[in-house]
N, C-alpha and C. Protein backbone atom coordinates (compact mmCIF):
# COMPACT_ATOMS: atom_id res chain seq x y z
N UNK A 1 20.98 -12.45 -3.75
CA UNK A 1 19.95 -11.60 -3.15
C UNK A 1 18.69 -11.56 -4.02
N UNK A 2 18.87 -11.55 -5.35
CA UNK A 2 17.70 -11.55 -6.24
C UNK A 2 16.86 -12.80 -6.03
N UNK A 3 17.54 -13.98 -5.87
CA UNK A 3 16.81 -15.22 -5.67
C UNK A 3 16.04 -15.20 -4.35
N UNK A 4 16.65 -14.63 -3.31
CA UNK A 4 16.00 -14.55 -2.01
C UNK A 4 14.76 -13.67 -2.08
N UNK A 5 14.86 -12.55 -2.79
CA UNK A 5 13.72 -11.64 -2.92
C UNK A 5 12.59 -12.30 -3.70
N UNK A 6 12.95 -13.01 -4.79
CA UNK A 6 11.95 -13.71 -5.59
C UNK A 6 11.23 -14.76 -4.75
N UNK A 7 12.01 -15.49 -3.93
CA UNK A 7 11.42 -16.52 -3.06
C UNK A 7 10.45 -15.91 -2.07
N UNK A 8 10.80 -14.75 -1.48
CA UNK A 8 9.93 -14.10 -0.51
C UNK A 8 8.63 -13.65 -1.15
N UNK A 9 8.71 -13.15 -2.38
CA UNK A 9 7.50 -12.72 -3.08
C UNK A 9 6.58 -13.92 -3.35
N UNK A 10 7.16 -15.05 -3.77
CA UNK A 10 6.37 -16.24 -4.03
C UNK A 10 5.69 -16.73 -2.76
N UNK A 11 6.44 -16.72 -1.65
CA UNK A 11 5.88 -17.15 -0.38
C UNK A 11 4.75 -16.24 0.05
N UNK A 12 4.89 -14.93 -0.24
CA UNK A 12 3.84 -13.98 0.15
C UNK A 12 2.53 -14.26 -0.56
N UNK A 13 2.61 -14.84 -1.76
CA UNK A 13 1.39 -15.14 -2.51
C UNK A 13 0.76 -16.45 -2.07
N UNK A 14 1.56 -17.36 -1.48
CA UNK A 14 1.06 -18.66 -1.06
C UNK A 14 0.59 -18.67 0.39
N UNK A 15 1.23 -17.88 1.24
CA UNK A 15 0.93 -17.89 2.67
C UNK A 15 -0.53 -17.55 2.99
N UNK A 16 -1.16 -16.56 2.31
CA UNK A 16 -2.54 -16.23 2.67
C UNK A 16 -3.49 -17.42 2.59
N UNK A 17 -3.27 -18.30 1.61
CA UNK A 17 -4.15 -19.44 1.45
C UNK A 17 -3.93 -20.46 2.56
N UNK A 18 -2.68 -20.64 2.98
CA UNK A 18 -2.39 -21.55 4.08
C UNK A 18 -2.96 -21.03 5.38
N UNK A 19 -2.83 -19.72 5.60
CA UNK A 19 -3.34 -19.11 6.84
C UNK A 19 -4.86 -19.16 6.86
N UNK A 20 -5.49 -18.84 5.73
CA UNK A 20 -6.95 -18.87 5.68
C UNK A 20 -7.47 -20.27 5.96
N UNK A 21 -6.76 -21.28 5.45
CA UNK A 21 -7.18 -22.66 5.68
C UNK A 21 -7.04 -23.02 7.15
N UNK A 22 -5.99 -22.55 7.81
CA UNK A 22 -5.75 -22.85 9.21
C UNK A 22 -6.82 -22.25 10.11
N UNK A 23 -7.32 -21.06 9.75
CA UNK A 23 -8.28 -20.36 10.60
C UNK A 23 -9.73 -20.72 10.28
N UNK A 24 -9.96 -21.40 9.18
CA UNK A 24 -11.33 -21.70 8.76
C UNK A 24 -11.99 -22.74 9.65
N UNK A 25 -13.33 -22.72 9.68
CA UNK A 25 -14.11 -23.69 10.46
C UNK A 25 -14.51 -24.84 9.55
N UNK A 26 -14.00 -26.03 9.83
CA UNK A 26 -14.26 -27.17 8.96
C UNK A 26 -15.32 -28.12 9.55
N UNK A 27 -16.06 -27.65 10.52
CA UNK A 27 -16.99 -28.53 11.21
C UNK A 27 -18.06 -29.10 10.28
N UNK A 28 -18.42 -28.35 9.23
CA UNK A 28 -19.45 -28.85 8.31
C UNK A 28 -18.87 -29.39 7.02
N UNK A 29 -17.53 -29.56 6.98
CA UNK A 29 -16.83 -30.11 5.81
C UNK A 29 -17.11 -29.32 4.54
N UNK A 30 -17.47 -28.06 4.67
CA UNK A 30 -17.77 -27.23 3.51
C UNK A 30 -16.48 -26.62 2.97
N UNK A 31 -16.34 -26.60 1.66
CA UNK A 31 -15.14 -26.02 1.05
C UNK A 31 -15.14 -24.51 1.26
N UNK A 32 -14.01 -23.94 1.73
CA UNK A 32 -13.90 -22.52 2.03
C UNK A 32 -13.18 -21.79 0.90
N UNK A 33 -13.61 -20.58 0.60
CA UNK A 33 -12.93 -19.75 -0.39
C UNK A 33 -12.47 -18.45 0.26
N UNK A 34 -11.52 -17.78 -0.38
CA UNK A 34 -10.93 -16.58 0.20
C UNK A 34 -11.88 -15.40 0.16
N UNK A 35 -12.60 -15.21 -0.94
CA UNK A 35 -13.43 -14.03 -1.10
C UNK A 35 -14.93 -14.32 -0.97
N UNK A 36 -15.36 -15.56 -1.20
CA UNK A 36 -16.78 -15.82 -1.29
C UNK A 36 -17.43 -16.39 -0.06
N UNK A 37 -16.68 -16.66 0.99
CA UNK A 37 -17.24 -17.28 2.18
C UNK A 37 -17.65 -16.24 3.21
N UNK A 38 -18.83 -16.43 3.80
CA UNK A 38 -19.32 -15.46 4.78
C UNK A 38 -18.48 -15.45 6.04
N UNK A 39 -17.69 -16.52 6.29
CA UNK A 39 -16.88 -16.59 7.50
C UNK A 39 -15.56 -15.84 7.37
N UNK A 40 -15.22 -15.40 6.18
CA UNK A 40 -13.98 -14.65 5.99
C UNK A 40 -14.22 -13.18 6.34
N UNK A 41 -13.45 -12.67 7.28
CA UNK A 41 -13.63 -11.28 7.70
C UNK A 41 -12.83 -10.34 6.80
N UNK A 42 -13.26 -9.08 6.78
CA UNK A 42 -12.56 -8.07 6.01
C UNK A 42 -12.38 -6.83 6.88
N UNK A 43 -11.24 -6.21 6.77
CA UNK A 43 -10.94 -4.99 7.52
C UNK A 43 -9.97 -4.13 6.75
N UNK A 44 -9.30 -3.28 7.44
CA UNK A 44 -8.33 -2.41 6.81
C UNK A 44 -7.58 -1.62 7.85
N UNK A 45 -6.47 -1.03 7.43
CA UNK A 45 -5.70 -0.20 8.36
C UNK A 45 -4.94 0.89 7.62
N UNK A 46 -4.62 1.93 8.38
CA UNK A 46 -3.69 2.96 7.93
C UNK A 46 -2.52 2.97 8.90
N UNK A 47 -1.34 3.32 8.42
CA UNK A 47 -0.15 3.22 9.27
C UNK A 47 0.85 4.31 8.97
N UNK A 48 1.63 4.64 9.99
CA UNK A 48 2.78 5.55 9.87
C UNK A 48 4.03 4.76 10.19
N UNK A 49 5.09 4.97 9.41
CA UNK A 49 6.33 4.22 9.57
C UNK A 49 7.51 5.17 9.71
N UNK A 50 8.41 4.82 10.64
CA UNK A 50 9.61 5.61 10.88
C UNK A 50 10.80 4.66 10.89
N UNK A 51 11.66 4.77 9.89
CA UNK A 51 12.78 3.84 9.72
C UNK A 51 14.13 4.55 9.73
N UNK A 52 15.14 3.79 10.14
CA UNK A 52 16.53 4.24 10.04
C UNK A 52 17.25 3.35 9.03
N UNK A 53 18.13 3.96 8.24
CA UNK A 53 18.92 3.21 7.28
C UNK A 53 20.24 3.94 7.04
N UNK A 54 21.10 3.31 6.25
CA UNK A 54 22.31 3.96 5.76
C UNK A 54 22.18 4.11 4.26
N UNK A 55 22.35 5.33 3.77
CA UNK A 55 22.31 5.60 2.34
C UNK A 55 23.58 6.33 1.96
N UNK A 56 24.32 5.75 1.04
CA UNK A 56 25.61 6.29 0.61
C UNK A 56 26.58 6.38 1.80
N UNK A 57 26.50 5.41 2.70
CA UNK A 57 27.40 5.37 3.84
C UNK A 57 27.12 6.39 4.92
N UNK A 58 25.95 7.02 4.86
CA UNK A 58 25.60 8.06 5.84
C UNK A 58 24.25 7.74 6.47
N UNK A 59 24.05 8.22 7.68
CA UNK A 59 22.77 8.01 8.36
C UNK A 59 21.63 8.61 7.56
N UNK A 60 20.51 7.89 7.54
CA UNK A 60 19.35 8.37 6.79
C UNK A 60 18.06 8.05 7.54
N UNK A 61 17.09 8.90 7.40
CA UNK A 61 15.78 8.73 7.98
C UNK A 61 14.76 8.51 6.86
N UNK A 62 13.89 7.51 7.04
CA UNK A 62 12.80 7.27 6.11
C UNK A 62 11.48 7.39 6.87
N UNK A 63 10.57 8.18 6.33
CA UNK A 63 9.24 8.33 6.92
C UNK A 63 8.22 7.92 5.86
N UNK A 64 7.24 7.11 6.29
CA UNK A 64 6.30 6.61 5.30
C UNK A 64 4.91 6.40 5.83
N UNK A 65 4.05 5.93 4.93
CA UNK A 65 2.66 5.65 5.26
C UNK A 65 2.20 4.43 4.48
N UNK A 66 1.21 3.74 5.05
CA UNK A 66 0.61 2.58 4.39
C UNK A 66 -0.92 2.67 4.50
N UNK A 67 -1.56 2.07 3.55
CA UNK A 67 -3.00 1.86 3.61
C UNK A 67 -3.29 0.51 3.01
N UNK A 68 -4.03 -0.36 3.73
CA UNK A 68 -4.22 -1.73 3.23
C UNK A 68 -5.57 -2.29 3.60
N UNK A 69 -6.05 -3.20 2.77
CA UNK A 69 -7.25 -3.98 3.00
C UNK A 69 -6.82 -5.30 3.63
N UNK A 70 -7.40 -5.66 4.77
CA UNK A 70 -7.04 -6.89 5.48
C UNK A 70 -8.09 -7.96 5.20
N UNK A 71 -7.63 -9.11 4.68
CA UNK A 71 -8.52 -10.19 4.27
C UNK A 71 -8.33 -11.38 5.22
N UNK A 72 -9.40 -11.76 5.89
CA UNK A 72 -9.38 -12.97 6.70
C UNK A 72 -8.32 -13.01 7.79
N UNK A 73 -7.93 -11.90 8.33
CA UNK A 73 -6.91 -11.79 9.38
C UNK A 73 -5.53 -12.27 8.94
N UNK A 74 -5.42 -12.73 7.68
CA UNK A 74 -4.17 -13.37 7.27
C UNK A 74 -3.43 -12.72 6.13
N UNK A 75 -4.02 -11.69 5.51
CA UNK A 75 -3.33 -11.09 4.36
C UNK A 75 -3.81 -9.65 4.18
N UNK A 76 -2.87 -8.75 3.94
CA UNK A 76 -3.20 -7.35 3.68
C UNK A 76 -2.71 -6.97 2.29
N UNK A 77 -3.54 -6.23 1.57
CA UNK A 77 -3.21 -5.78 0.22
C UNK A 77 -3.46 -4.28 0.14
N UNK A 78 -2.47 -3.53 -0.30
CA UNK A 78 -2.65 -2.08 -0.34
C UNK A 78 -1.50 -1.37 -0.98
N UNK A 79 -1.21 -0.17 -0.47
CA UNK A 79 -0.15 0.67 -1.02
C UNK A 79 0.69 1.22 0.13
N UNK A 80 1.96 1.46 -0.16
CA UNK A 80 2.88 2.02 0.83
C UNK A 80 3.84 2.97 0.13
N UNK A 81 4.33 3.95 0.87
CA UNK A 81 5.28 4.90 0.30
C UNK A 81 6.18 5.48 1.38
N UNK A 82 7.40 5.88 0.97
CA UNK A 82 8.39 6.44 1.89
C UNK A 82 9.06 7.66 1.27
N UNK A 83 9.46 8.59 2.12
CA UNK A 83 10.36 9.66 1.74
C UNK A 83 11.63 9.52 2.55
N UNK A 84 12.78 9.88 1.97
CA UNK A 84 14.04 9.69 2.68
C UNK A 84 14.96 10.89 2.51
N UNK A 85 15.91 10.99 3.44
CA UNK A 85 16.88 12.07 3.44
C UNK A 85 18.10 11.58 4.21
N UNK A 86 19.30 11.71 3.63
CA UNK A 86 20.50 11.30 4.37
C UNK A 86 21.30 12.52 4.82
N UNK A 87 22.31 12.27 5.66
CA UNK A 87 23.12 13.36 6.20
C UNK A 87 23.92 14.07 5.11
N UNK A 88 24.28 15.31 5.40
CA UNK A 88 25.09 16.10 4.47
C UNK A 88 26.54 15.63 4.46
N UNK A 89 27.18 15.81 3.31
CA UNK A 89 28.64 15.69 3.20
C UNK A 89 29.10 16.87 2.35
N UNK A 90 30.39 17.11 2.28
CA UNK A 90 30.92 18.26 1.55
C UNK A 90 31.53 17.81 0.24
N UNK A 91 31.12 18.45 -0.86
CA UNK A 91 31.68 18.17 -2.17
C UNK A 91 32.50 19.37 -2.62
N UNK A 92 33.81 19.21 -2.60
CA UNK A 92 34.70 20.32 -2.94
C UNK A 92 34.75 20.61 -4.43
N UNK A 93 34.23 19.67 -5.26
CA UNK A 93 34.34 19.83 -6.70
C UNK A 93 33.18 20.62 -7.31
N UNK A 94 32.11 20.80 -6.57
CA UNK A 94 31.05 21.68 -7.05
C UNK A 94 31.51 23.13 -6.92
N UNK A 95 30.96 24.00 -7.73
CA UNK A 95 31.38 25.41 -7.73
C UNK A 95 31.29 26.00 -6.33
N UNK A 96 32.40 26.47 -5.84
CA UNK A 96 32.43 27.08 -4.52
C UNK A 96 32.51 26.09 -3.38
N UNK A 97 32.36 24.78 -3.68
CA UNK A 97 32.31 23.78 -2.63
C UNK A 97 30.99 23.87 -1.89
N UNK A 98 30.25 22.77 -1.80
CA UNK A 98 28.91 22.82 -1.20
C UNK A 98 28.63 21.56 -0.38
N UNK A 99 27.73 21.73 0.58
CA UNK A 99 27.18 20.57 1.28
C UNK A 99 26.18 19.88 0.37
N UNK A 100 26.26 18.55 0.30
CA UNK A 100 25.37 17.79 -0.59
C UNK A 100 24.73 16.64 0.19
N UNK A 101 23.60 16.19 -0.30
CA UNK A 101 22.97 14.99 0.26
C UNK A 101 22.03 14.39 -0.76
N UNK A 102 21.49 13.21 -0.43
CA UNK A 102 20.55 12.51 -1.30
C UNK A 102 19.17 12.56 -0.67
N UNK A 103 18.18 12.84 -1.50
CA UNK A 103 16.80 12.90 -1.00
C UNK A 103 15.88 12.33 -2.07
N UNK A 104 14.73 11.84 -1.65
CA UNK A 104 13.79 11.28 -2.62
C UNK A 104 12.70 10.48 -1.95
N UNK A 105 12.14 9.53 -2.69
CA UNK A 105 11.07 8.71 -2.15
C UNK A 105 10.74 7.57 -3.08
N UNK A 106 9.92 6.66 -2.59
CA UNK A 106 9.46 5.54 -3.41
C UNK A 106 8.17 4.99 -2.81
N UNK A 107 7.43 4.25 -3.63
CA UNK A 107 6.18 3.68 -3.18
C UNK A 107 5.63 2.72 -4.20
N UNK A 108 4.56 2.01 -3.80
CA UNK A 108 3.95 1.08 -4.72
C UNK A 108 3.03 0.09 -4.03
N UNK A 109 2.86 -1.06 -4.65
CA UNK A 109 1.96 -2.11 -4.17
C UNK A 109 2.53 -2.76 -2.91
N UNK A 110 1.65 -2.99 -1.94
CA UNK A 110 2.04 -3.66 -0.69
C UNK A 110 1.34 -5.01 -0.59
N UNK A 111 2.14 -6.08 -0.45
CA UNK A 111 1.64 -7.43 -0.19
C UNK A 111 2.12 -7.81 1.21
N UNK A 112 1.18 -8.19 2.09
CA UNK A 112 1.58 -8.41 3.48
C UNK A 112 0.88 -9.63 4.09
N UNK A 113 1.50 -10.82 4.01
CA UNK A 113 0.99 -11.96 4.77
C UNK A 113 1.12 -11.69 6.26
N UNK A 114 0.08 -12.07 7.02
CA UNK A 114 0.07 -11.90 8.47
C UNK A 114 -0.07 -13.29 9.09
N UNK A 115 0.93 -13.71 9.83
CA UNK A 115 0.98 -15.07 10.35
C UNK A 115 0.48 -15.10 11.80
N UNK A 116 -0.63 -15.82 12.03
CA UNK A 116 -1.26 -15.94 13.35
C UNK A 116 -1.60 -14.56 13.92
N UNK A 117 -2.29 -13.77 13.11
CA UNK A 117 -2.61 -12.40 13.47
C UNK A 117 -3.49 -12.25 14.69
N UNK A 118 -4.22 -13.31 15.11
CA UNK A 118 -5.09 -13.22 16.27
C UNK A 118 -4.32 -13.34 17.59
N UNK A 119 -3.07 -13.78 17.50
CA UNK A 119 -2.25 -13.89 18.71
C UNK A 119 -1.75 -12.51 19.12
N UNK A 120 -1.55 -12.27 20.43
CA UNK A 120 -1.10 -10.96 20.89
C UNK A 120 0.21 -10.51 20.24
N UNK A 121 1.13 -11.46 20.05
CA UNK A 121 2.40 -11.18 19.37
C UNK A 121 2.51 -12.12 18.18
N UNK A 122 2.74 -11.57 17.01
CA UNK A 122 2.78 -12.40 15.80
C UNK A 122 3.72 -11.77 14.77
N UNK A 123 3.73 -12.34 13.59
CA UNK A 123 4.67 -11.93 12.54
C UNK A 123 3.92 -11.54 11.27
N UNK A 124 4.43 -10.53 10.58
CA UNK A 124 3.93 -10.19 9.25
C UNK A 124 5.13 -10.05 8.30
N UNK A 125 4.85 -10.21 7.00
CA UNK A 125 5.92 -10.18 5.99
C UNK A 125 5.55 -9.17 4.90
N UNK A 126 5.72 -7.87 5.15
CA UNK A 126 5.37 -6.87 4.14
C UNK A 126 6.36 -6.85 2.99
N UNK A 127 5.84 -6.78 1.78
CA UNK A 127 6.69 -6.69 0.59
C UNK A 127 6.17 -5.54 -0.27
N UNK A 128 7.01 -4.56 -0.51
CA UNK A 128 6.66 -3.41 -1.35
C UNK A 128 7.29 -3.61 -2.73
N UNK A 129 6.48 -3.42 -3.78
CA UNK A 129 6.95 -3.49 -5.16
C UNK A 129 6.51 -2.22 -5.86
N UNK A 130 7.46 -1.40 -6.33
CA UNK A 130 7.06 -0.14 -6.93
C UNK A 130 8.19 0.61 -7.60
N UNK A 131 8.15 1.92 -7.50
CA UNK A 131 9.12 2.78 -8.16
C UNK A 131 9.32 4.04 -7.33
N UNK A 132 10.37 4.79 -7.67
CA UNK A 132 10.64 6.01 -6.92
C UNK A 132 11.56 6.95 -7.67
N UNK A 133 11.95 8.01 -6.99
CA UNK A 133 12.87 9.00 -7.55
C UNK A 133 13.88 9.42 -6.51
N UNK A 134 15.06 9.80 -6.96
CA UNK A 134 16.13 10.23 -6.08
C UNK A 134 16.83 11.44 -6.69
N UNK A 135 17.24 12.38 -5.83
CA UNK A 135 17.91 13.59 -6.30
C UNK A 135 19.20 13.82 -5.52
N UNK A 136 20.21 14.28 -6.22
CA UNK A 136 21.48 14.71 -5.62
C UNK A 136 21.36 16.22 -5.45
N UNK A 137 21.26 16.66 -4.21
CA UNK A 137 20.99 18.08 -3.95
C UNK A 137 22.14 18.73 -3.21
N UNK A 138 22.22 20.05 -3.32
CA UNK A 138 23.25 20.81 -2.61
C UNK A 138 22.61 22.05 -1.98
N UNK A 139 23.25 22.54 -0.95
CA UNK A 139 22.81 23.79 -0.34
C UNK A 139 23.86 24.87 -0.62
N UNK A 140 23.38 26.05 -0.91
CA UNK A 140 24.25 27.15 -1.32
C UNK A 140 23.79 28.42 -0.63
N UNK A 141 24.73 29.10 -0.01
CA UNK A 141 24.41 30.35 0.67
C UNK A 141 25.04 31.50 -0.11
N UNK A 142 24.23 32.23 -0.89
CA UNK A 142 24.78 33.34 -1.69
C UNK A 142 25.10 34.57 -0.84
N UNK A 143 24.71 34.54 0.42
CA UNK A 143 24.94 35.68 1.31
C UNK A 143 25.70 35.20 2.55
N UNK A 144 27.02 35.18 2.51
CA UNK A 144 27.82 34.63 3.62
C UNK A 144 27.52 35.30 4.96
N UNK A 145 27.06 36.53 4.96
CA UNK A 145 26.79 37.23 6.21
C UNK A 145 25.44 36.81 6.81
N UNK A 146 24.62 36.09 6.02
CA UNK A 146 23.31 35.64 6.50
C UNK A 146 23.35 34.13 6.67
N UNK A 147 23.43 33.66 7.91
CA UNK A 147 23.58 32.23 8.16
C UNK A 147 22.25 31.48 8.17
N UNK A 148 21.16 32.15 7.86
CA UNK A 148 19.86 31.51 7.87
C UNK A 148 19.23 31.46 6.48
N UNK A 149 19.94 31.92 5.47
CA UNK A 149 19.39 31.98 4.13
C UNK A 149 20.18 31.04 3.22
N UNK A 150 19.57 29.88 2.86
CA UNK A 150 20.24 28.90 2.01
C UNK A 150 19.33 28.56 0.83
N UNK A 151 19.96 28.37 -0.32
CA UNK A 151 19.24 27.90 -1.50
C UNK A 151 19.48 26.41 -1.66
N UNK A 152 18.41 25.67 -1.94
CA UNK A 152 18.51 24.24 -2.20
C UNK A 152 18.54 24.02 -3.71
N UNK A 153 19.59 23.39 -4.20
CA UNK A 153 19.77 23.17 -5.63
C UNK A 153 19.73 21.68 -5.94
N UNK A 154 19.01 21.30 -6.99
CA UNK A 154 19.00 19.91 -7.46
C UNK A 154 20.05 19.78 -8.55
N UNK A 155 21.13 19.08 -8.22
CA UNK A 155 22.23 18.92 -9.17
C UNK A 155 21.91 17.86 -10.22
N UNK A 156 21.17 16.80 -9.80
CA UNK A 156 20.83 15.73 -10.72
C UNK A 156 19.69 14.92 -10.09
N UNK A 157 18.89 14.26 -10.92
CA UNK A 157 17.78 13.44 -10.41
C UNK A 157 17.48 12.32 -11.40
N UNK A 158 16.92 11.23 -10.87
CA UNK A 158 16.58 10.09 -11.72
C UNK A 158 15.53 9.24 -11.04
N UNK A 159 14.97 8.28 -11.78
CA UNK A 159 13.98 7.36 -11.24
C UNK A 159 14.54 5.94 -11.17
N UNK A 160 13.79 5.05 -10.54
CA UNK A 160 14.23 3.67 -10.38
C UNK A 160 13.04 2.79 -10.00
N UNK A 161 13.22 1.48 -10.16
CA UNK A 161 12.27 0.49 -9.66
C UNK A 161 12.79 -0.07 -8.34
N UNK A 162 11.87 -0.50 -7.47
CA UNK A 162 12.29 -0.95 -6.16
C UNK A 162 11.46 -2.14 -5.70
N UNK A 163 12.13 -3.07 -5.01
CA UNK A 163 11.48 -4.17 -4.30
C UNK A 163 12.03 -4.15 -2.88
N UNK A 164 11.13 -4.17 -1.88
CA UNK A 164 11.57 -4.11 -0.50
C UNK A 164 10.79 -5.11 0.35
N UNK A 165 11.33 -6.33 0.53
CA UNK A 165 10.72 -7.28 1.45
C UNK A 165 11.12 -6.97 2.89
N UNK A 166 10.28 -7.37 3.83
CA UNK A 166 10.58 -7.12 5.23
C UNK A 166 10.01 -8.20 6.12
N UNK A 167 10.36 -8.12 7.38
CA UNK A 167 9.85 -9.03 8.41
C UNK A 167 9.55 -8.20 9.64
N UNK A 168 8.30 -8.28 10.13
CA UNK A 168 7.87 -7.46 11.26
C UNK A 168 7.35 -8.32 12.40
N UNK A 169 7.71 -7.94 13.61
CA UNK A 169 7.14 -8.51 14.82
C UNK A 169 6.06 -7.54 15.30
N UNK A 170 4.80 -8.01 15.30
CA UNK A 170 3.67 -7.16 15.62
C UNK A 170 3.12 -7.45 17.01
N UNK A 171 2.68 -6.40 17.68
CA UNK A 171 2.06 -6.52 18.99
C UNK A 171 0.66 -5.93 18.92
N UNK A 172 -0.35 -6.72 19.28
CA UNK A 172 -1.72 -6.22 19.35
C UNK A 172 -1.90 -5.47 20.66
N UNK A 173 -1.84 -4.15 20.63
CA UNK A 173 -1.98 -3.35 21.84
C UNK A 173 -3.44 -3.32 22.28
N UNK A 174 -4.32 -2.89 21.39
CA UNK A 174 -5.77 -2.99 21.56
C UNK A 174 -6.34 -3.45 20.22
N UNK A 175 -7.64 -3.66 20.14
CA UNK A 175 -8.23 -4.23 18.92
C UNK A 175 -7.95 -3.38 17.68
N UNK A 176 -7.88 -2.08 17.84
CA UNK A 176 -7.73 -1.21 16.66
C UNK A 176 -6.31 -0.65 16.50
N UNK A 177 -5.37 -1.09 17.33
CA UNK A 177 -4.02 -0.51 17.28
C UNK A 177 -2.95 -1.59 17.44
N UNK A 178 -1.99 -1.59 16.50
CA UNK A 178 -0.86 -2.50 16.55
C UNK A 178 0.45 -1.72 16.41
N UNK A 179 1.47 -2.23 17.07
CA UNK A 179 2.83 -1.70 16.93
C UNK A 179 3.68 -2.79 16.27
N UNK A 180 4.44 -2.42 15.26
CA UNK A 180 5.29 -3.39 14.56
C UNK A 180 6.74 -2.91 14.57
N UNK A 181 7.64 -3.81 14.95
CA UNK A 181 9.09 -3.57 14.86
C UNK A 181 9.60 -4.39 13.70
N UNK A 182 10.25 -3.74 12.74
CA UNK A 182 10.58 -4.45 11.52
C UNK A 182 11.99 -4.25 11.00
N UNK A 183 12.41 -5.19 10.18
CA UNK A 183 13.65 -5.09 9.41
C UNK A 183 13.34 -5.31 7.95
N UNK A 184 14.00 -4.59 7.05
CA UNK A 184 13.67 -4.60 5.63
C UNK A 184 14.95 -4.56 4.80
N UNK A 185 14.86 -5.11 3.57
CA UNK A 185 15.97 -4.97 2.64
C UNK A 185 15.46 -4.29 1.38
N UNK A 186 16.07 -3.18 1.02
CA UNK A 186 15.67 -2.36 -0.14
C UNK A 186 16.58 -2.69 -1.30
N UNK A 187 15.98 -3.10 -2.44
CA UNK A 187 16.74 -3.44 -3.64
C UNK A 187 16.17 -2.66 -4.82
N UNK A 188 17.02 -1.92 -5.53
CA UNK A 188 16.55 -1.09 -6.64
C UNK A 188 17.25 -1.45 -7.95
N UNK A 189 16.65 -1.01 -9.03
CA UNK A 189 17.35 -1.07 -10.32
C UNK A 189 18.55 -0.12 -10.28
N UNK A 190 19.45 -0.23 -11.23
CA UNK A 190 20.65 0.62 -11.25
C UNK A 190 20.26 2.10 -11.32
N UNK A 191 20.92 2.88 -10.48
CA UNK A 191 20.65 4.31 -10.40
C UNK A 191 21.76 5.07 -11.10
N UNK A 192 21.38 5.91 -12.04
CA UNK A 192 22.35 6.74 -12.78
C UNK A 192 22.22 8.17 -12.27
N UNK A 193 23.15 8.56 -11.40
CA UNK A 193 23.06 9.85 -10.73
C UNK A 193 24.46 10.39 -10.51
N UNK A 194 24.61 11.69 -10.64
CA UNK A 194 25.91 12.34 -10.49
C UNK A 194 26.59 11.96 -9.17
N UNK A 195 27.84 11.55 -9.26
CA UNK A 195 28.69 11.30 -8.10
C UNK A 195 28.06 10.29 -7.13
N UNK A 196 27.33 9.31 -7.68
CA UNK A 196 26.59 8.37 -6.83
C UNK A 196 26.71 6.95 -7.40
N UNK A 197 26.88 5.98 -6.52
CA UNK A 197 26.98 4.59 -6.93
C UNK A 197 25.64 4.07 -7.45
N UNK A 198 25.70 3.11 -8.38
CA UNK A 198 24.48 2.57 -8.98
C UNK A 198 23.59 1.87 -7.96
N UNK A 199 24.20 1.29 -6.92
CA UNK A 199 23.45 0.55 -5.91
C UNK A 199 23.33 1.33 -4.60
N UNK A 200 23.35 2.63 -4.67
CA UNK A 200 23.40 3.47 -3.47
C UNK A 200 22.22 3.24 -2.53
N UNK A 201 21.06 2.86 -3.06
CA UNK A 201 19.89 2.67 -2.22
C UNK A 201 19.72 1.23 -1.72
N UNK A 202 20.52 0.32 -2.24
CA UNK A 202 20.41 -1.06 -1.79
C UNK A 202 20.91 -1.17 -0.35
N UNK A 203 20.14 -1.81 0.51
CA UNK A 203 20.61 -1.98 1.87
C UNK A 203 19.49 -2.21 2.86
N UNK A 204 19.88 -2.42 4.10
CA UNK A 204 18.95 -2.73 5.18
C UNK A 204 18.39 -1.47 5.82
N UNK A 205 17.22 -1.61 6.37
CA UNK A 205 16.64 -0.57 7.21
C UNK A 205 15.87 -1.23 8.34
N UNK A 206 15.61 -0.47 9.39
CA UNK A 206 14.86 -0.99 10.52
C UNK A 206 14.05 0.14 11.12
N UNK A 207 12.92 -0.21 11.73
CA UNK A 207 12.13 0.86 12.30
C UNK A 207 10.86 0.42 12.96
N UNK A 208 10.00 1.40 13.16
CA UNK A 208 8.76 1.26 13.92
C UNK A 208 7.58 1.65 13.05
N UNK A 209 6.52 0.84 13.10
CA UNK A 209 5.28 1.12 12.37
C UNK A 209 4.11 1.14 13.34
N UNK A 210 3.29 2.16 13.25
CA UNK A 210 2.08 2.29 14.07
C UNK A 210 0.87 2.07 13.17
N UNK A 211 0.07 1.04 13.47
CA UNK A 211 -1.05 0.65 12.63
C UNK A 211 -2.37 0.90 13.35
N UNK A 212 -3.31 1.52 12.65
CA UNK A 212 -4.63 1.81 13.21
C UNK A 212 -5.70 1.27 12.24
N UNK A 213 -6.64 0.48 12.76
CA UNK A 213 -7.69 0.00 11.89
C UNK A 213 -8.42 -1.20 12.44
N UNK A 214 -9.05 -1.96 11.55
CA UNK A 214 -9.77 -3.20 11.88
C UNK A 214 -8.98 -4.34 11.27
N UNK A 215 -8.46 -5.20 12.15
CA UNK A 215 -7.56 -6.24 11.71
C UNK A 215 -8.22 -7.62 11.68
């Protein structure tokens, strides 16, 4: 898996140049550059992302946002971040027995080659490289007669590094709006957290991204 992720990152750095060359106008045999040519367009977008995943063997929801600079219709560079929360389970070994779950977030640099972005339906390859934090939390009700009053306790917390490559099928709805359906693989450094596996965050996710901007 590490080799596959490394390969995807390398491809993400090479694809923009291939795409820019494909879209360039060579009628005057002039050498084209990525940043210095007047024919290279620039834009940007903001996006909201809603993903489903499994974390620690339980259903989890990830909600996130992106902001990126779009270069020549073929490459986006920016930042992305997610927050996550998985379903509760019961831990009988905590004092009194409590419902517990994992919550946290991560974010960082976004590299996103866009393949044939001018076509109504096309592909993008977003890759997030960054860091995050995760907490093992529990809920505790000190007043059994009050079913609406719960205390949220952080039993343990830690940080980690993360790489998350993905593949998205994008649809150009209108000039300023795109919908992307994507699949992603999240890979993190070892996580040291109470009652939690070191690779608890490693795994697949899938979801929907709504993009607004100039592409």
